[in-house]
Every structure is written in C-alpha cells, then in structure tokens.
Amino acid sequence: MKKTQFKTDIHQIFLLTKRNFSDWGKNPRIWIPPTVASAILGPIASAVFKLEGTKLGAGMGTSGLVGQFDAISVMGSSPRVIMIIVLMHVILPAILTLLISEFMRKKGYIKFGDMKL
C-alpha cells in the first residue's frame, strides 16, 4: 500500500471534503468506495445501533465533525454513544472504503493519485 501523509489525510477527512469535487469529475469511479461503504453502514447504524441526528447534521459526514456533534446533541454523550459514533462514523467507514478501493485499484478502476490535492 502506498504511504500517504498523515496531515493531508486528516485534512481531507475533516476539513476539505468538498474540495474533492473536481477530482471526482476526473474519475467518477472514486465515488464508489465511500458510497458503497455508506450504503452498507447507514442502515446498520440506524437499525442496529439506533444512531440518530437532526436535519442540521444530515449528510455532513465528518466535514467539520458536524454529523458527530449533531448525533451527540440528540443521543447524549455517554461512553457507549461516543464509542458507537466513532465506530460507525470513522473506523468502519475508513476500513470498508479502504478495502473497496484496494479491490478497485487491483482491478484498475482507480489508481493512486486520483484524489491528489
């Protein structure tokens, strides 16, 4: 797996998600890994873990942590809630997106550098 700069990754995850729109137009297939991860994890988050939010946090993902703070405002800040939010909003999407993107790289559908800032 190719090394990436940790700082750049953090900025992309939490601050620059909208910046990637121009990259998505160059190779629309880079939309597939996060979209599939969301389609799988969204129903699990709401049906199994009963994650809730309001219209203010809907669709925000990790951009500025708006979705996470919104879920905390609705569900409270117990250790269980925080653990579920971190698991369903950060850890599992990252793992699932990575697995899907690595599969797509091996098939030649996407390549490293498609989302270069």
C-alpha atoms as a PDB file:
ATOM      1  CA  MET A   1       0.000   0.000   0.000  1.00  0.00           C
ATOM      2  CA  LYS A   2       1.317   3.454  -0.863  1.00  0.00           C
ATOM      3  CA  LYS A   3       2.282   5.751   2.006  1.00  0.00           C
ATOM      4  CA  THR A   4       0.293   8.965   2.415  1.00  0.00           C
ATOM      5  CA  GLN A   5       0.947  11.998   4.534  1.00  0.00           C
ATOM      6  CA  PHE A   6      -0.979  11.772   7.788  1.00  0.00           C
ATOM      7  CA  LYS A   7      -1.638  15.530   7.895  1.00  0.00           C
ATOM      8  CA  THR A   8      -3.090  15.516   4.383  1.00  0.00           C
ATOM      9  CA  ASP A   9      -5.330  12.565   5.226  1.00  0.00           C
ATOM     10  CA  ILE A  10      -6.678  14.310   8.341  1.00  0.00           C
ATOM     11  CA  HIS A  11      -7.379  17.494   6.391  1.00  0.00           C
ATOM     12  CA  GLN A  12      -9.183  15.563   3.679  1.00  0.00           C
ATOM     13  CA  ILE A  13     -11.308  13.651   6.179  1.00  0.00           C
ATOM     14  CA  PHE A  14     -12.330  16.509   8.441  1.00  0.00           C
ATOM     15  CA  LEU A  15     -11.879  19.770   6.573  1.00  0.00           C
ATOM     16  CA  LEU A  16     -11.576  19.508   2.810  1.00  0.00           C
ATOM     17  CA  THR A  17     -14.240  17.043   1.760  1.00  0.00           C
ATOM     18  CA  LYS A  18     -15.902  19.493  -0.625  1.00  0.00           C
ATOM     19  CA  ARG A  19     -12.519  20.252  -2.242  1.00  0.00           C
ATOM     20  CA  ASN A  20     -12.554  16.816  -3.840  1.00  0.00           C
ATOM     21  CA  PHE A  21     -15.469  17.561  -6.186  1.00  0.00           C
ATOM     22  CA  SER A  22     -13.133  18.487  -9.056  1.00  0.00           C
ATOM     23  CA  ASP A  23     -11.207  15.227  -8.544  1.00  0.00           C
ATOM     24  CA  TRP A  24     -14.438  13.243  -8.613  1.00  0.00           C
ATOM     25  CA  GLY A  25     -15.222  14.663 -12.044  1.00  0.00           C
ATOM     26  CA  LYS A  26     -11.879  13.435 -13.410  1.00  0.00           C
ATOM     27  CA  ASN A  27     -12.579   9.830 -12.422  1.00  0.00           C
ATOM     28  CA  PRO A  28     -16.139   9.335 -11.146  1.00  0.00           C
ATOM     29  CA  ARG A  29     -15.290   5.789 -10.058  1.00  0.00           C
ATOM     30  CA  ILE A  30     -13.585   7.207  -6.962  1.00  0.00           C
ATOM     31  CA  TRP A  31     -17.112   7.876  -5.656  1.00  0.00           C
ATOM     32  CA  ILE A  32     -17.815   4.138  -5.479  1.00  0.00           C
ATOM     33  CA  PRO A  33     -15.856   3.095  -2.334  1.00  0.00           C
ATOM     34  CA  PRO A  34     -17.308   5.715   0.071  1.00  0.00           C
ATOM     35  CA  THR A  35     -20.776   5.409  -1.469  1.00  0.00           C
ATOM     36  CA  VAL A  36     -20.867   1.622  -1.071  1.00  0.00           C
ATOM     37  CA  ALA A  37     -19.498   1.925   2.484  1.00  0.00           C
ATOM     38  CA  SER A  38     -22.278   4.406   3.310  1.00  0.00           C
ATOM     39  CA  ALA A  39     -24.933   2.198   1.736  1.00  0.00           C
ATOM     40  CA  ILE A  40     -23.791  -0.735   3.874  1.00  0.00           C
ATOM     41  CA  LEU A  41     -23.150   1.074   7.156  1.00  0.00           C
ATOM     42  CA  GLY A  42     -26.037   3.581   7.105  1.00  0.00           C
ATOM     43  CA  PRO A  43     -28.789   1.008   7.657  1.00  0.00           C
ATOM     44  CA  ILE A  44     -26.682  -0.781  10.274  1.00  0.00           C
ATOM     45  CA  ALA A  45     -26.074   2.492  12.136  1.00  0.00           C
ATOM     46  CA  SER A  46     -29.756   3.398  12.233  1.00  0.00           C
ATOM     47  CA  ALA A  47     -31.400  -0.023  12.570  1.00  0.00           C
ATOM     48  CA  VAL A  48     -28.921  -1.867  14.780  1.00  0.00           C
ATOM     49  CA  PHE A  49     -27.229   0.895  16.772  1.00  0.00           C
ATOM     50  CA  LYS A  50     -30.171   3.346  16.669  1.00  0.00           C
ATOM     51  CA  LEU A  51     -27.968   6.313  15.758  1.00  0.00           C
ATOM     52  CA  GLU A  52     -29.983   9.496  15.458  1.00  0.00           C
ATOM     53  CA  GLY A  53     -29.432  13.054  14.301  1.00  0.00           C
ATOM     54  CA  THR A  54     -31.279  16.117  13.045  1.00  0.00           C
ATOM     55  CA  LYS A  55     -31.569  17.772   9.658  1.00  0.00           C
ATOM     56  CA  LEU A  56     -28.628  20.017  10.599  1.00  0.00           C
ATOM     57  CA  GLY A  57     -26.207  17.084  10.655  1.00  0.00           C
ATOM     58  CA  ALA A  58     -27.748  15.063   7.854  1.00  0.00           C
ATOM     59  CA  GLY A  59     -25.334  14.319   5.058  1.00  0.00           C
ATOM     60  CA  MET A  60     -22.437  16.166   6.644  1.00  0.00           C
ATOM     61  CA  GLY A  61     -20.288  13.101   7.275  1.00  0.00           C
ATOM     62  CA  THR A  62     -17.095  14.090   9.044  1.00  0.00           C
ATOM     63  CA  SER A  63     -16.906  17.546   7.450  1.00  0.00           C
ATOM     64  CA  GLY A  64     -16.093  19.744  10.416  1.00  0.00           C
ATOM     65  CA  LEU A  65     -17.411  16.947  12.657  1.00  0.00           C
ATOM     66  CA  VAL A  66     -20.910  18.414  12.208  1.00  0.00           C
ATOM     67  CA  GLY A  67     -22.579  14.995  11.929  1.00  0.00           C
ATOM     68  CA  GLN A  68     -20.806  13.692  15.015  1.00  0.00           C
ATOM     69  CA  PHE A  69     -21.648  16.698  17.198  1.00  0.00           C
ATOM     70  CA  ASP A  70     -25.242  16.558  15.951  1.00  0.00           C
ATOM     71  CA  ALA A  71     -25.553  12.881  16.908  1.00  0.00           C
ATOM     72  CA  ILE A  72     -24.132  13.667  20.354  1.00  0.00           C
ATOM     73  CA  SER A  73     -26.605  16.541  20.782  1.00  0.00           C
ATOM     74  CA  VAL A  74     -29.505  14.171  20.055  1.00  0.00           C
ATOM     75  CA  MET A  75     -28.294  10.968  21.730  1.00  0.00           C
ATOM     76  CA  GLY A  76     -26.204  12.302  24.599  1.00  0.00           C
ATOM     77  CA  SER A  77     -22.530  11.886  25.325  1.00  0.00           C
ATOM     78  CA  SER A  78     -22.334   8.606  27.205  1.00  0.00           C
ATOM     79  CA  PRO A  79     -19.232   6.489  26.575  1.00  0.00           C
ATOM     80  CA  ARG A  80     -21.413   3.978  24.687  1.00  0.00           C
ATOM     81  CA  VAL A  81     -22.772   6.661  22.350  1.00  0.00           C
ATOM     82  CA  ILE A  82     -19.313   8.110  21.715  1.00  0.00           C
ATOM     83  CA  MET A  83     -17.951   4.616  21.006  1.00  0.00           C
ATOM     84  CA  ILE A  84     -20.758   3.867  18.520  1.00  0.00           C
ATOM     85  CA  ILE A  85     -20.306   7.232  16.779  1.00  0.00           C
ATOM     86  CA  VAL A  86     -16.546   6.746  16.429  1.00  0.00           C
ATOM     87  CA  LEU A  87     -17.050   3.184  15.219  1.00  0.00           C
ATOM     88  CA  MET A  88     -19.842   3.896  12.716  1.00  0.00           C
ATOM     89  CA  HIS A  89     -18.738   7.366  11.551  1.00  0.00           C
ATOM     90  CA  VAL A  90     -14.947   6.946  11.380  1.00  0.00           C
ATOM     91  CA  ILE A  91     -13.446   3.498  11.930  1.00  0.00           C
ATOM     92  CA  LEU A  92     -15.764   1.201   9.957  1.00  0.00           C
ATOM     93  CA  PRO A  93     -16.228   3.616   7.011  1.00  0.00           C
ATOM     94  CA  ALA A  94     -12.444   4.020   6.756  1.00  0.00           C
ATOM     95  CA  ILE A  95     -11.843   0.269   6.814  1.00  0.00           C
ATOM     96  CA  LEU A  96     -14.640  -0.573   4.392  1.00  0.00           C
ATOM     97  CA  THR A  97     -13.713   2.249   1.991  1.00  0.00           C
ATOM     98  CA  LEU A  98     -10.077   1.150   2.051  1.00  0.00           C
ATOM     99  CA  LEU A  99     -10.994  -2.473   1.294  1.00  0.00           C
ATOM    100  CA  ILE A 100     -13.272  -1.487  -1.580  1.00  0.00           C
ATOM    101  CA  SER A 101     -10.765   0.996  -3.005  1.00  0.00           C
ATOM    102  CA  GLU A 102      -7.912  -1.527  -2.808  1.00  0.00           C
ATOM    103  CA  PHE A 103     -10.062  -4.040  -4.708  1.00  0.00           C
ATOM    104  CA  MET A 104     -10.828  -1.369  -7.320  1.00  0.00           C
ATOM    105  CA  ARG A 105      -7.137  -0.464  -7.615  1.00  0.00           C
ATOM    106  CA  LYS A 106      -6.226  -4.095  -8.241  1.00  0.00           C
ATOM    107  CA  LYS A 107      -8.873  -4.228 -10.980  1.00  0.00           C
ATOM    108  CA  GLY A 108      -7.525  -0.990 -12.499  1.00  0.00           C
ATOM    109  CA  TYR A 109     -10.703   1.045 -11.993  1.00  0.00           C
ATOM    110  CA  ILE A 110      -8.982   3.666  -9.838  1.00  0.00           C
ATOM    111  CA  LYS A 111      -5.358   4.490  -9.127  1.00  0.00           C
ATOM    112  CA  PHE A 112      -3.273   6.284  -6.533  1.00  0.00           C
ATOM    113  CA  GLY A 113      -3.296   9.984  -7.222  1.00  0.00           C
ATOM    114  CA  ASP A 114      -6.924  10.174  -8.368  1.00  0.00           C
ATOM    115  CA  MET A 115      -7.713  12.270  -5.277  1.00  0.00           C
ATOM    116  CA  LYS A 116      -4.421  14.142  -5.054  1.00  0.00           C
ATOM    117  CA  LEU A 117      -4.885  17.619  -3.618  1.00  0.00           C
END
